[in-house]
C-alpha cells in the first residue's frame, strides 16, 4: 500500500521522506582531510562507488558543512569505512564537537588525509567534480589509492531506521551466490546499473 506523503501541490513531507529512506540500510564512513595542520572530518552515510573506469566514488555533504569547505579547499579526501565497534567514533564525528579528532588515533594517507585507526578500509581520493544536489553537494572523487582488506571476519558498522546495527555474527563470509553478484558488478554493459 502506498501512503501519500505530499500535500495537494505535490510537496513531500520531510519527516515522511526521512522515515521511508531510513528503510534503506547503509554503511557508515568518516570523510577526512587536512585544513592546514588540522585534521577535519565528518560522519557520512551518503557514500557510494560510482565508476570502475576511471575509478570514481561519490559522497554528499550538506551545503552548510564546515568539513566540506576544508575538503573543497584542499582538493582531497579520505573515505574511512567504519567497523562495527566504531559506533562511538561515528557519533563523535556526527556531532557538533569542535575537536572531533581529540583522542582519535590516525595516520596520514598517501595524499595526506587522515586514516582513522581501526577502520575496515580507506579510499584516498582527489576531488574530481562537484554537482548541485538540493541542500547537499554531490562530490565525485577520483580514487588515488586503496587500503588492503583487513580480516574478512570483521564486520561493518551499519545504519538502519535511525540507529546503528550490524550483520549477524555467523554471516561474515559471503554466500556462494555472491560470486555471480561480483561478476554482475564488474561487468559493465548498457543494462547494468554500474
N, C-alpha and C. Protein backbone atom coordinates (compact mmCIF):
# COMPACT_ATOMS: atom_id res chain seq x y z
N UNK A 1 0.84 -1.18 0.00
CA UNK A 1 0.00 0.00 0.00
C UNK A 1 0.89 1.24 0.00
N UNK A 2 0.55 2.21 -0.82
CA UNK A 2 1.27 3.47 -0.88
C UNK A 2 0.51 4.51 -0.09
N UNK A 3 1.22 5.16 0.82
CA UNK A 3 0.62 6.22 1.62
C UNK A 3 1.08 7.55 1.07
N UNK A 4 0.14 8.43 0.65
CA UNK A 4 0.58 9.73 0.13
C UNK A 4 1.23 10.54 1.24
N UNK A 5 2.38 11.13 0.95
CA UNK A 5 3.08 11.92 1.96
C UNK A 5 3.14 13.40 1.59
N UNK A 6 2.69 13.73 0.38
CA UNK A 6 2.73 15.12 -0.05
C UNK A 6 1.39 15.80 0.10
N UNK A 7 1.39 17.12 0.02
CA UNK A 7 0.14 17.85 0.03
C UNK A 7 -0.40 17.89 -1.39
N UNK A 8 -1.49 18.61 -1.61
CA UNK A 8 -2.12 18.65 -2.93
C UNK A 8 -1.17 19.22 -3.99
N UNK A 9 -0.21 20.05 -3.58
CA UNK A 9 0.74 20.63 -4.53
C UNK A 9 1.90 19.70 -4.85
N UNK A 10 1.94 18.53 -4.24
CA UNK A 10 2.99 17.56 -4.54
C UNK A 10 4.21 17.65 -3.65
N UNK A 11 4.23 18.54 -2.66
CA UNK A 11 5.39 18.64 -1.76
C UNK A 11 5.48 17.41 -0.87
N UNK A 12 6.68 16.92 -0.68
CA UNK A 12 6.91 15.74 0.16
C UNK A 12 7.23 16.20 1.58
N UNK A 13 6.56 15.60 2.54
CA UNK A 13 6.81 15.90 3.95
C UNK A 13 8.20 15.41 4.33
N UNK A 14 9.10 16.30 4.83
CA UNK A 14 10.47 15.89 5.14
C UNK A 14 10.56 14.75 6.16
N UNK A 15 9.67 14.73 7.15
CA UNK A 15 9.71 13.66 8.16
C UNK A 15 9.38 12.31 7.52
N UNK A 16 8.35 12.29 6.66
CA UNK A 16 7.99 11.05 5.98
C UNK A 16 9.10 10.60 5.04
N UNK A 17 9.70 11.57 4.35
CA UNK A 17 10.81 11.27 3.43
C UNK A 17 11.95 10.60 4.18
N UNK A 18 12.33 11.18 5.33
CA UNK A 18 13.41 10.61 6.13
C UNK A 18 13.05 9.21 6.63
N UNK A 19 11.79 9.02 7.07
CA UNK A 19 11.36 7.72 7.59
C UNK A 19 11.40 6.64 6.52
N UNK A 20 10.90 6.96 5.34
CA UNK A 20 10.89 5.97 4.25
C UNK A 20 12.31 5.65 3.80
N UNK A 21 13.15 6.66 3.63
CA UNK A 21 14.52 6.40 3.21
C UNK A 21 15.33 5.72 4.30
N UNK A 22 14.88 5.80 5.55
CA UNK A 22 15.53 5.09 6.64
C UNK A 22 15.39 3.58 6.53
N UNK A 23 14.52 3.12 5.64
CA UNK A 23 14.37 1.68 5.41
C UNK A 23 15.54 1.12 4.61
N UNK A 24 16.32 2.01 4.02
CA UNK A 24 17.48 1.60 3.24
C UNK A 24 18.69 1.56 4.16
N UNK A 25 19.22 0.38 4.38
CA UNK A 25 20.37 0.20 5.26
C UNK A 25 21.64 0.66 4.55
N UNK A 26 22.45 1.45 5.26
CA UNK A 26 23.70 1.94 4.66
C UNK A 26 24.88 1.62 5.55
N UNK A 27 26.04 1.61 4.94
CA UNK A 27 27.27 1.59 5.71
C UNK A 27 27.54 2.99 6.22
N UNK A 28 28.55 3.13 7.08
CA UNK A 28 28.88 4.43 7.63
C UNK A 28 30.36 4.70 7.39
N UNK A 29 30.65 5.91 6.94
CA UNK A 29 32.02 6.32 6.68
C UNK A 29 32.33 7.61 7.44
N UNK A 30 33.61 7.88 7.60
CA UNK A 30 34.09 9.18 8.04
C UNK A 30 34.93 9.73 6.89
N UNK A 31 34.55 10.89 6.38
CA UNK A 31 35.28 11.54 5.31
C UNK A 31 36.23 12.54 5.97
N UNK A 32 37.52 12.46 5.63
CA UNK A 32 38.52 13.30 6.30
C UNK A 32 39.38 14.06 5.29
N UNK A 33 40.00 15.12 5.78
CA UNK A 33 41.00 15.87 5.03
C UNK A 33 41.83 16.65 6.03
N UNK A 34 42.77 17.44 5.54
CA UNK A 34 43.55 18.33 6.38
C UNK A 34 43.20 19.77 6.04
N UNK A 35 43.05 20.59 7.08
CA UNK A 35 42.84 22.02 6.92
C UNK A 35 44.09 22.69 7.46
N UNK A 36 45.08 22.87 6.61
CA UNK A 36 46.40 23.29 7.08
C UNK A 36 47.02 22.14 7.86
N UNK A 37 47.30 22.36 9.14
CA UNK A 37 47.85 21.31 10.01
C UNK A 37 46.77 20.60 10.81
N UNK A 38 45.52 21.02 10.63
CA UNK A 38 44.42 20.48 11.45
C UNK A 38 43.64 19.40 10.72
N UNK A 39 43.47 18.21 11.33
CA UNK A 39 42.63 17.18 10.71
C UNK A 39 41.15 17.55 10.85
N UNK A 40 40.40 17.31 9.78
CA UNK A 40 38.98 17.65 9.71
C UNK A 40 38.23 16.41 9.23
N UNK A 41 37.00 16.21 9.70
CA UNK A 41 36.23 15.09 9.20
C UNK A 41 34.78 15.12 9.65
N UNK A 42 33.95 14.32 8.99
CA UNK A 42 32.54 14.21 9.35
C UNK A 42 32.01 12.83 9.02
N UNK A 43 30.98 12.40 9.76
CA UNK A 43 30.32 11.12 9.51
C UNK A 43 29.45 11.26 8.27
N UNK A 44 29.49 10.23 7.41
CA UNK A 44 28.79 10.31 6.13
C UNK A 44 28.19 8.95 5.76
N UNK A 45 26.87 8.92 5.57
CA UNK A 45 26.19 7.73 5.07
C UNK A 45 26.07 7.77 3.56
N UNK A 46 26.05 8.97 3.00
CA UNK A 46 25.79 9.11 1.56
C UNK A 46 27.09 8.98 0.78
N UNK A 47 27.64 7.77 0.80
CA UNK A 47 28.86 7.43 0.08
C UNK A 47 28.55 6.25 -0.82
N UNK A 48 29.11 6.24 -2.02
CA UNK A 48 28.88 5.11 -2.94
C UNK A 48 30.00 5.01 -3.96
N UNK A 49 30.19 3.81 -4.49
CA UNK A 49 31.05 3.60 -5.65
C UNK A 49 30.32 4.17 -6.85
N UNK A 50 31.05 4.79 -7.77
CA UNK A 50 30.43 5.41 -8.92
C UNK A 50 30.88 4.78 -10.23
N UNK A 51 32.19 4.57 -10.40
CA UNK A 51 32.72 4.10 -11.68
C UNK A 51 33.95 3.23 -11.45
N UNK A 52 34.08 2.18 -12.26
CA UNK A 52 35.28 1.35 -12.21
C UNK A 52 36.39 1.92 -13.10
N UNK A 53 36.01 2.51 -14.24
CA UNK A 53 36.99 3.02 -15.18
C UNK A 53 36.51 4.34 -15.76
N UNK A 54 36.98 5.48 -15.25
CA UNK A 54 38.01 5.61 -14.22
C UNK A 54 37.46 5.28 -12.83
N UNK A 55 38.33 5.00 -11.85
CA UNK A 55 37.85 4.67 -10.51
C UNK A 55 37.34 5.93 -9.80
N UNK A 56 36.01 6.00 -9.64
CA UNK A 56 35.37 7.16 -9.02
C UNK A 56 34.44 6.71 -7.89
N UNK A 57 34.34 7.54 -6.87
CA UNK A 57 33.37 7.36 -5.79
C UNK A 57 32.60 8.67 -5.66
N UNK A 58 31.54 8.66 -4.86
CA UNK A 58 30.83 9.90 -4.59
C UNK A 58 30.41 9.95 -3.13
N UNK A 59 30.27 11.17 -2.63
CA UNK A 59 29.65 11.40 -1.33
C UNK A 59 28.91 12.73 -1.39
N UNK A 60 28.01 12.94 -0.42
CA UNK A 60 27.13 14.10 -0.47
C UNK A 60 27.13 14.86 0.85
N UNK A 61 27.98 15.90 0.98
CA UNK A 61 27.96 16.72 2.19
C UNK A 61 26.85 17.77 2.12
N UNK A 62 26.35 18.20 3.28
CA UNK A 62 25.39 19.29 3.29
C UNK A 62 26.11 20.57 2.86
N UNK A 63 25.36 21.49 2.30
CA UNK A 63 25.96 22.74 1.85
C UNK A 63 26.48 23.58 3.01
N UNK A 64 26.01 23.34 4.22
CA UNK A 64 26.48 24.08 5.39
C UNK A 64 27.68 23.43 6.07
N UNK A 65 28.15 22.31 5.58
CA UNK A 65 29.22 21.55 6.22
C UNK A 65 30.54 22.32 6.26
N UNK A 66 31.08 22.51 7.46
CA UNK A 66 32.39 23.14 7.60
C UNK A 66 33.48 22.21 7.07
N UNK A 67 33.29 20.91 7.27
CA UNK A 67 34.27 19.95 6.77
C UNK A 67 34.34 19.99 5.25
N UNK A 68 33.19 20.12 4.60
CA UNK A 68 33.21 20.19 3.13
C UNK A 68 34.04 21.38 2.66
N UNK A 69 33.93 22.53 3.33
CA UNK A 69 34.73 23.70 2.96
C UNK A 69 36.22 23.39 2.96
N UNK A 70 36.66 22.62 3.97
CA UNK A 70 38.08 22.25 4.04
C UNK A 70 38.45 21.26 2.94
N UNK A 71 37.56 20.33 2.64
CA UNK A 71 37.81 19.36 1.56
C UNK A 71 37.88 20.08 0.22
N UNK A 72 36.95 20.99 -0.01
CA UNK A 72 36.94 21.75 -1.26
C UNK A 72 38.24 22.55 -1.40
N UNK A 73 38.69 23.13 -0.31
CA UNK A 73 39.93 23.92 -0.32
C UNK A 73 41.16 23.04 -0.60
N UNK A 74 41.22 21.88 0.06
CA UNK A 74 42.41 21.01 -0.10
C UNK A 74 42.38 20.23 -1.41
N UNK A 75 41.17 19.94 -1.92
CA UNK A 75 41.05 19.18 -3.17
C UNK A 75 41.26 17.69 -2.99
N UNK A 76 41.28 17.21 -1.74
CA UNK A 76 41.49 15.77 -1.50
C UNK A 76 40.73 15.35 -0.24
N UNK A 77 40.49 14.04 -0.16
CA UNK A 77 39.79 13.49 0.99
C UNK A 77 40.06 12.00 1.10
N UNK A 78 39.82 11.46 2.28
CA UNK A 78 39.95 10.02 2.51
C UNK A 78 38.64 9.51 3.08
N UNK A 79 38.13 8.44 2.50
CA UNK A 79 36.92 7.79 2.99
C UNK A 79 37.35 6.67 3.93
N UNK A 80 36.94 6.73 5.20
CA UNK A 80 37.23 5.69 6.18
C UNK A 80 35.97 4.87 6.39
N UNK A 81 35.98 3.61 6.00
CA UNK A 81 34.83 2.72 6.17
C UNK A 81 34.88 2.18 7.61
N UNK A 82 33.83 2.45 8.39
CA UNK A 82 33.86 2.13 9.80
C UNK A 82 33.54 0.68 10.11
N UNK A 83 34.21 0.17 11.13
CA UNK A 83 33.97 -1.18 11.63
C UNK A 83 32.84 -1.13 12.67
N UNK A 84 32.22 -2.26 12.91
CA UNK A 84 31.07 -2.36 13.81
C UNK A 84 31.36 -1.76 15.19
N UNK A 85 32.59 -1.91 15.69
CA UNK A 85 32.91 -1.42 17.03
C UNK A 85 33.22 0.07 17.07
N UNK A 86 33.07 0.79 15.96
CA UNK A 86 33.40 2.21 15.93
C UNK A 86 32.18 3.13 16.06
N UNK A 87 31.15 2.66 16.76
CA UNK A 87 29.95 3.48 16.96
C UNK A 87 30.26 4.79 17.66
N UNK A 88 31.11 4.74 18.68
CA UNK A 88 31.45 5.96 19.42
C UNK A 88 32.19 6.95 18.53
N UNK A 89 33.08 6.44 17.69
CA UNK A 89 33.79 7.31 16.75
C UNK A 89 32.81 7.96 15.80
N UNK A 90 31.88 7.20 15.29
CA UNK A 90 30.88 7.73 14.36
C UNK A 90 30.05 8.82 15.04
N UNK A 91 29.60 8.55 16.26
CA UNK A 91 28.79 9.53 16.99
C UNK A 91 29.57 10.82 17.19
N UNK A 92 30.84 10.70 17.49
CA UNK A 92 31.68 11.89 17.70
C UNK A 92 31.79 12.71 16.42
N UNK A 93 32.03 12.04 15.28
CA UNK A 93 32.18 12.75 14.02
C UNK A 93 30.84 13.24 13.46
N UNK A 94 29.74 12.71 13.97
CA UNK A 94 28.42 13.17 13.56
C UNK A 94 27.90 14.28 14.47
N UNK A 95 28.67 14.66 15.48
CA UNK A 95 28.24 15.68 16.45
C UNK A 95 28.76 17.06 16.05
N UNK A 96 28.44 18.05 16.86
CA UNK A 96 28.95 19.41 16.66
C UNK A 96 30.21 19.66 17.50
N UNK A 97 30.80 18.59 18.01
CA UNK A 97 32.03 18.68 18.79
C UNK A 97 33.07 19.46 17.97
N UNK A 98 33.66 20.54 18.55
CA UNK A 98 34.61 21.33 17.77
C UNK A 98 35.90 20.59 17.42
N UNK A 99 36.40 19.73 18.31
CA UNK A 99 37.62 18.97 18.02
C UNK A 99 37.28 17.49 17.94
N UNK A 100 36.82 17.07 16.78
CA UNK A 100 36.36 15.69 16.60
C UNK A 100 37.50 14.69 16.67
N UNK A 101 38.74 15.15 16.46
CA UNK A 101 39.88 14.25 16.47
C UNK A 101 40.51 14.09 17.85
N UNK A 102 39.99 14.77 18.87
CA UNK A 102 40.55 14.64 20.22
C UNK A 102 40.43 13.19 20.67
N UNK A 103 41.56 12.58 21.00
CA UNK A 103 41.58 11.19 21.45
C UNK A 103 41.44 10.17 20.35
N UNK A 104 41.43 10.59 19.09
CA UNK A 104 41.29 9.67 17.95
C UNK A 104 42.67 9.43 17.34
N UNK A 105 43.06 8.16 17.24
CA UNK A 105 44.33 7.81 16.59
C UNK A 105 44.15 7.79 15.08
N UNK A 106 45.12 8.37 14.39
CA UNK A 106 45.08 8.39 12.92
C UNK A 106 46.49 8.52 12.37
N UNK A 107 46.60 8.22 11.08
CA UNK A 107 47.86 8.39 10.37
C UNK A 107 47.54 9.00 9.01
N UNK A 108 48.51 9.66 8.36
CA UNK A 108 48.22 10.28 7.07
C UNK A 108 48.18 9.26 5.93
N UNK A 109 47.25 9.48 5.01
CA UNK A 109 47.18 8.67 3.79
C UNK A 109 48.29 9.12 2.84
N UNK A 110 48.38 8.48 1.69
CA UNK A 110 49.38 8.88 0.69
C UNK A 110 49.20 10.34 0.26
N UNK A 111 47.95 10.81 0.23
CA UNK A 111 47.67 12.20 -0.14
C UNK A 111 47.67 13.14 1.07
N UNK A 112 47.87 12.56 2.28
CA UNK A 112 47.95 13.38 3.48
C UNK A 112 46.69 13.49 4.31
N UNK A 113 45.59 12.90 3.87
CA UNK A 113 44.35 12.95 4.64
C UNK A 113 44.37 11.91 5.75
N UNK A 114 43.65 12.16 6.86
CA UNK A 114 43.67 11.22 7.98
C UNK A 114 43.01 9.87 7.68
N UNK A 115 43.74 8.79 8.04
CA UNK A 115 43.20 7.43 8.05
C UNK A 115 42.95 7.10 9.52
N UNK A 116 41.71 6.81 9.87
CA UNK A 116 41.37 6.51 11.25
C UNK A 116 41.81 5.10 11.61
N UNK A 117 42.54 4.97 12.71
CA UNK A 117 42.97 3.66 13.18
C UNK A 117 41.74 2.82 13.50
N UNK A 118 41.73 1.58 13.03
CA UNK A 118 40.62 0.67 13.29
C UNK A 118 39.56 0.64 12.22
N UNK A 119 39.65 1.53 11.22
CA UNK A 119 38.64 1.48 10.16
C UNK A 119 38.84 0.22 9.32
N UNK A 120 37.75 -0.29 8.74
CA UNK A 120 37.81 -1.52 7.94
C UNK A 120 38.62 -1.32 6.67
N UNK A 121 38.47 -0.15 6.07
CA UNK A 121 39.16 0.14 4.81
C UNK A 121 39.22 1.65 4.65
N UNK A 122 40.11 2.09 3.77
CA UNK A 122 40.11 3.51 3.42
C UNK A 122 40.33 3.66 1.92
N UNK A 123 39.79 4.76 1.40
CA UNK A 123 39.87 5.08 -0.02
C UNK A 123 40.36 6.53 -0.10
N UNK A 124 41.54 6.73 -0.65
CA UNK A 124 42.19 8.03 -0.73
C UNK A 124 41.86 8.66 -2.09
N UNK A 125 41.35 9.89 -2.10
CA UNK A 125 40.81 10.47 -3.33
C UNK A 125 41.18 11.94 -3.51
N UNK A 126 41.07 12.38 -4.75
CA UNK A 126 41.09 13.80 -5.07
C UNK A 126 39.69 14.18 -5.56
N UNK A 127 39.32 15.44 -5.36
CA UNK A 127 38.01 15.91 -5.81
C UNK A 127 38.05 16.02 -7.33
N UNK A 128 37.12 15.33 -7.99
CA UNK A 128 37.04 15.34 -9.46
C UNK A 128 36.08 16.42 -9.93
N UNK A 129 34.82 16.35 -9.49
CA UNK A 129 33.81 17.35 -9.84
C UNK A 129 32.83 17.49 -8.69
N UNK A 130 32.10 18.59 -8.68
CA UNK A 130 31.09 18.86 -7.65
C UNK A 130 29.81 19.29 -8.36
N UNK A 131 28.67 18.72 -7.94
CA UNK A 131 27.39 19.00 -8.58
C UNK A 131 26.37 19.43 -7.52
N UNK A 132 25.43 20.27 -7.94
CA UNK A 132 24.37 20.71 -7.05
C UNK A 132 23.41 19.55 -6.79
N UNK A 133 23.06 19.35 -5.51
CA UNK A 133 22.12 18.31 -5.15
C UNK A 133 21.11 18.81 -4.12
N UNK A 134 20.44 19.90 -4.41
CA UNK A 134 19.45 20.44 -3.47
C UNK A 134 20.14 21.07 -2.27
N UNK A 135 19.89 20.54 -1.08
CA UNK A 135 20.54 21.08 0.12
C UNK A 135 21.89 20.41 0.39
N UNK A 136 22.34 19.57 -0.53
CA UNK A 136 23.65 18.91 -0.45
C UNK A 136 24.44 19.18 -1.74
N UNK A 137 25.73 18.91 -1.68
CA UNK A 137 26.57 18.84 -2.86
C UNK A 137 26.78 17.36 -3.18
N UNK A 138 26.91 17.03 -4.45
CA UNK A 138 27.27 15.68 -4.87
C UNK A 138 28.71 15.77 -5.36
N UNK A 139 29.62 15.15 -4.60
CA UNK A 139 31.05 15.25 -4.87
C UNK A 139 31.54 13.95 -5.49
N UNK A 140 32.11 14.05 -6.69
CA UNK A 140 32.74 12.91 -7.33
C UNK A 140 34.23 12.95 -6.97
N UNK A 141 34.75 11.83 -6.51
CA UNK A 141 36.16 11.75 -6.16
C UNK A 141 36.88 10.72 -7.01
N UNK A 142 38.08 11.06 -7.48
CA UNK A 142 38.90 10.11 -8.22
C UNK A 142 39.79 9.37 -7.23
N UNK A 143 39.73 8.05 -7.26
CA UNK A 143 40.48 7.22 -6.31
C UNK A 143 41.96 7.23 -6.68
N UNK A 144 42.79 7.61 -5.69
CA UNK A 144 44.24 7.63 -5.89
C UNK A 144 44.89 6.37 -5.33
N UNK A 145 44.37 5.88 -4.20
CA UNK A 145 44.90 4.65 -3.61
C UNK A 145 43.85 4.03 -2.70
N UNK A 146 44.03 2.75 -2.42
CA UNK A 146 43.10 1.97 -1.59
C UNK A 146 43.88 1.21 -0.53
N UNK A 147 43.22 0.95 0.58
CA UNK A 147 43.83 0.08 1.59
C UNK A 147 43.66 -1.37 1.16
N UNK A 148 44.43 -2.24 1.78
CA UNK A 148 44.18 -3.66 1.63
C UNK A 148 43.02 -4.01 2.55
N UNK A 149 42.32 -5.09 2.25
CA UNK A 149 41.21 -5.53 3.09
C UNK A 149 41.79 -6.19 4.34
N UNK A 150 41.26 -5.80 5.49
CA UNK A 150 41.70 -6.39 6.75
C UNK A 150 41.06 -7.77 6.91
N UNK A 151 41.04 -8.28 8.09
CA UNK A 151 40.47 -9.59 8.40
C UNK A 151 39.05 -9.69 7.85
N UNK A 152 38.80 -10.71 7.02
CA UNK A 152 37.47 -10.88 6.41
C UNK A 152 36.38 -11.16 7.43
N UNK A 153 36.74 -11.55 8.64
CA UNK A 153 35.73 -11.83 9.66
C UNK A 153 35.21 -10.55 10.32
N UNK A 154 35.89 -9.42 10.10
CA UNK A 154 35.43 -8.17 10.70
C UNK A 154 34.17 -7.68 10.00
N UNK A 155 33.33 -7.01 10.77
CA UNK A 155 32.03 -6.59 10.25
C UNK A 155 31.94 -5.06 10.20
N UNK A 156 31.14 -4.55 9.24
CA UNK A 156 30.99 -3.10 9.10
C UNK A 156 29.97 -2.54 10.08
N UNK A 157 30.09 -1.25 10.32
CA UNK A 157 29.06 -0.52 11.06
C UNK A 157 27.98 -0.14 10.07
N UNK A 158 26.74 -0.44 10.41
CA UNK A 158 25.61 -0.15 9.53
C UNK A 158 24.64 0.81 10.23
N UNK A 159 23.84 1.50 9.44
CA UNK A 159 22.84 2.42 9.97
C UNK A 159 21.51 2.08 9.32
N UNK A 160 20.48 1.87 10.15
CA UNK A 160 19.17 1.43 9.67
C UNK A 160 18.09 1.97 10.59
N UNK A 161 17.07 2.58 10.00
CA UNK A 161 15.94 3.14 10.76
C UNK A 161 16.38 4.05 11.90
N UNK A 162 17.38 4.88 11.60
CA UNK A 162 17.81 5.88 12.56
C UNK A 162 18.70 5.39 13.68
N UNK A 163 19.23 4.17 13.55
CA UNK A 163 20.11 3.68 14.61
C UNK A 163 21.18 2.75 14.03
N UNK A 164 22.24 2.56 14.82
CA UNK A 164 23.31 1.66 14.41
C UNK A 164 22.83 0.22 14.47
N UNK A 165 23.35 -0.58 13.56
CA UNK A 165 23.05 -2.00 13.56
C UNK A 165 24.26 -2.72 12.96
N UNK A 166 24.17 -4.02 12.87
CA UNK A 166 25.26 -4.81 12.29
C UNK A 166 24.69 -6.02 11.58
N UNK A 167 25.59 -6.85 11.07
CA UNK A 167 25.14 -8.08 10.44
C UNK A 167 25.24 -9.21 11.45
N UNK A 168 24.52 -10.28 11.19
CA UNK A 168 24.53 -11.40 12.13
C UNK A 168 25.93 -11.99 12.26
N UNK A 169 26.31 -12.39 13.48
CA UNK A 169 27.67 -12.91 13.69
C UNK A 169 28.07 -14.05 12.77
N UNK A 170 27.14 -14.92 12.42
CA UNK A 170 27.51 -16.06 11.57
C UNK A 170 27.41 -15.74 10.08
N UNK A 171 27.20 -14.47 9.75
CA UNK A 171 27.05 -14.07 8.35
C UNK A 171 28.23 -13.21 7.89
N UNK A 172 29.44 -13.53 8.34
CA UNK A 172 30.59 -12.71 8.00
C UNK A 172 31.26 -13.12 6.70
N UNK A 173 30.93 -14.29 6.18
CA UNK A 173 31.53 -14.77 4.94
C UNK A 173 30.47 -14.71 3.85
N UNK A 174 30.79 -14.18 2.66
CA UNK A 174 29.80 -14.09 1.60
C UNK A 174 29.25 -15.45 1.21
N UNK A 175 27.96 -15.47 0.89
CA UNK A 175 27.32 -16.70 0.42
C UNK A 175 27.85 -17.04 -0.97
N UNK A 176 27.81 -18.32 -1.37
CA UNK A 176 28.34 -18.72 -2.68
C UNK A 176 27.73 -17.96 -3.86
N UNK A 177 26.45 -17.59 -3.77
CA UNK A 177 25.83 -16.89 -4.89
C UNK A 177 26.45 -15.53 -5.14
N UNK A 178 27.21 -15.02 -4.20
CA UNK A 178 27.82 -13.70 -4.37
C UNK A 178 28.90 -13.70 -5.45
N UNK A 179 29.40 -14.87 -5.84
CA UNK A 179 30.34 -14.91 -6.97
C UNK A 179 29.65 -14.37 -8.22
N UNK A 180 28.39 -14.74 -8.41
CA UNK A 180 27.62 -14.24 -9.55
C UNK A 180 27.40 -12.75 -9.42
N UNK A 181 27.12 -12.28 -8.20
CA UNK A 181 26.90 -10.86 -7.97
C UNK A 181 28.16 -10.07 -8.30
N UNK A 182 29.32 -10.58 -7.90
CA UNK A 182 30.58 -9.89 -8.20
C UNK A 182 30.78 -9.77 -9.70
N UNK A 183 30.46 -10.83 -10.45
CA UNK A 183 30.59 -10.79 -11.91
C UNK A 183 29.65 -9.73 -12.48
N UNK A 184 28.45 -9.64 -11.93
CA UNK A 184 27.48 -8.64 -12.38
C UNK A 184 28.01 -7.22 -12.13
N UNK A 185 28.56 -7.01 -10.95
CA UNK A 185 29.03 -5.67 -10.58
C UNK A 185 30.26 -5.24 -11.35
N UNK A 186 31.05 -6.18 -11.83
CA UNK A 186 32.30 -5.81 -12.50
C UNK A 186 32.22 -5.93 -14.02
N UNK A 187 31.07 -6.34 -14.55
CA UNK A 187 30.89 -6.45 -15.99
C UNK A 187 29.96 -5.33 -16.43
N UNK A 188 30.53 -4.27 -16.96
CA UNK A 188 29.72 -3.12 -17.36
C UNK A 188 29.09 -3.38 -18.70
N UNK A 189 27.80 -3.11 -18.78
CA UNK A 189 27.09 -3.15 -20.05
C UNK A 189 25.98 -2.12 -19.98
N UNK A 190 25.30 -1.90 -21.08
CA UNK A 190 24.29 -0.86 -21.12
C UNK A 190 23.13 -1.11 -20.17
N UNK A 191 22.88 -2.37 -19.82
CA UNK A 191 21.71 -2.65 -18.97
C UNK A 191 22.07 -2.90 -17.51
N UNK A 192 23.33 -2.69 -17.11
CA UNK A 192 23.68 -2.81 -15.70
C UNK A 192 23.63 -1.44 -15.06
N UNK A 193 23.46 -1.42 -13.73
CA UNK A 193 23.32 -0.14 -13.05
C UNK A 193 24.64 0.51 -12.74
N UNK A 194 25.73 -0.18 -12.91
CA UNK A 194 27.03 0.44 -12.61
C UNK A 194 27.50 1.34 -13.73
